[in-house]
Every structure is written in structure tokens, then in C-alpha cells.
Protein backbone atom coordinates (compact mmCIF):
# COMPACT_ATOMS: atom_id res chain seq x y z
CA MET A 1 0.00 0.00 0.00
CA GLN A 2 1.42 3.39 -1.03
CA ARG A 3 1.91 5.94 1.77
CA TYR A 4 2.09 9.72 1.31
CA THR A 5 3.43 12.73 3.12
CA TYR A 6 1.86 16.19 2.83
CA LYS A 7 3.10 19.76 2.90
CA VAL A 8 0.91 22.88 3.23
CA VAL A 9 2.37 26.22 2.14
CA GLU A 10 0.73 29.50 3.19
CA VAL A 11 0.97 32.04 0.39
CA ARG A 12 0.18 35.65 1.29
CA GLU A 13 -0.35 38.29 -1.37
CA LYS A 14 2.76 40.14 -0.19
CA LEU A 15 4.86 37.03 -0.77
CA LEU A 16 3.73 37.15 -4.38
CA GLY A 17 4.77 40.77 -4.81
CA GLY A 18 1.72 42.48 -3.32
CA LYS A 19 -0.68 41.02 -5.82
CA MET A 20 -1.60 37.47 -6.69
CA SER A 21 0.45 36.65 -9.77
CA GLY A 22 0.04 33.61 -11.98
CA ASP A 23 3.73 33.69 -12.87
CA LYS A 24 4.86 33.69 -9.24
CA LEU A 25 2.39 30.98 -8.28
CA GLU A 26 3.58 28.92 -11.25
CA LYS A 27 7.18 29.29 -10.03
CA LEU A 28 6.17 28.12 -6.54
CA LEU A 29 4.45 25.06 -8.02
CA ASN A 30 7.38 24.24 -10.31
CA ASP A 31 9.91 24.66 -7.49
CA HIS A 32 8.03 22.14 -5.35
CA ALA A 33 7.47 19.80 -8.31
CA GLY A 34 11.23 19.77 -8.83
CA ASP A 35 11.55 18.38 -5.29
CA GLY A 36 9.04 15.62 -6.02
CA TRP A 37 5.91 17.31 -4.61
CA GLN A 38 2.62 17.02 -6.52
CA LEU A 39 -0.11 19.64 -6.17
CA LYS A 40 -3.07 18.25 -4.23
CA ALA A 41 -5.22 21.37 -3.63
CA ILE A 42 -5.28 25.15 -3.62
CA THR A 43 -7.64 26.79 -1.13
CA SER A 44 -8.41 30.47 -0.75
CA ALA A 45 -8.07 31.50 2.88
CA GLU A 46 -7.46 34.32 5.29
CA VAL A 47 -3.84 33.74 6.24
CA LYS A 48 -2.62 35.13 9.56
CA GLY A 49 -0.19 38.01 9.17
CA ARG A 50 2.98 38.45 11.20
CA VAL A 51 1.77 41.54 13.06
CA GLY A 52 -1.63 42.10 14.64
CA PRO A 53 -4.67 39.90 15.08
CA GLY A 54 -6.08 40.17 11.55
CA GLY A 55 -5.31 38.19 8.47
CA VAL A 56 -4.68 38.83 4.81
CA ASP A 57 -6.08 37.20 1.72
CA GLY A 58 -3.97 34.33 0.63
CA LEU A 59 -3.83 30.72 -0.44
CA LEU A 60 -3.16 27.42 1.23
CA VAL A 61 -1.31 25.27 -1.29
CA THR A 62 -1.27 21.57 -0.41
CA PHE A 63 1.28 19.18 -1.90
CA GLU A 64 1.76 15.43 -1.56
CA ARG A 65 4.46 12.93 -2.44
CA PRO A 66 5.03 9.26 -1.78
CA VAL A 67 6.90 8.37 1.39
CA GLN A 68 10.32 7.06 0.46
């Protein structure tokens, strides 16, 4: 039976240059794919900021890969 491990990356708009960018998201996906991670899901979410109680719009990007 195949086993998997998962990784969730929080992506805030500021990490993508202040605005959600397809090119920057594509780079993130390709960087992780190069390490053997496969995209499992992208979820829109309010991601907690570093300062203050509020959050910012962002994405939760979930990857999976087989356990080796």
C-alpha cells in the first residue's frame, strides 16, 4: 500500500509581490514539483499576518508525495 506525506504552504499576497500573480504561483508550483511534490489542492483562505490579530487574503497550497 502506497503511503504519502503532505506539505501545506501559506501564500500571502505580499509574498507574491503584493498582488496574486500567476507567474509567481507557477514558479512556486514548479519549485516544489522539482523536489518531487505534486499539487493536491489550492484553497483560498485568510492567512494570519505576522503583526496584529487580523489576516490577509492568501492561499493554502497543499502538496503530496510518496513516502520514500
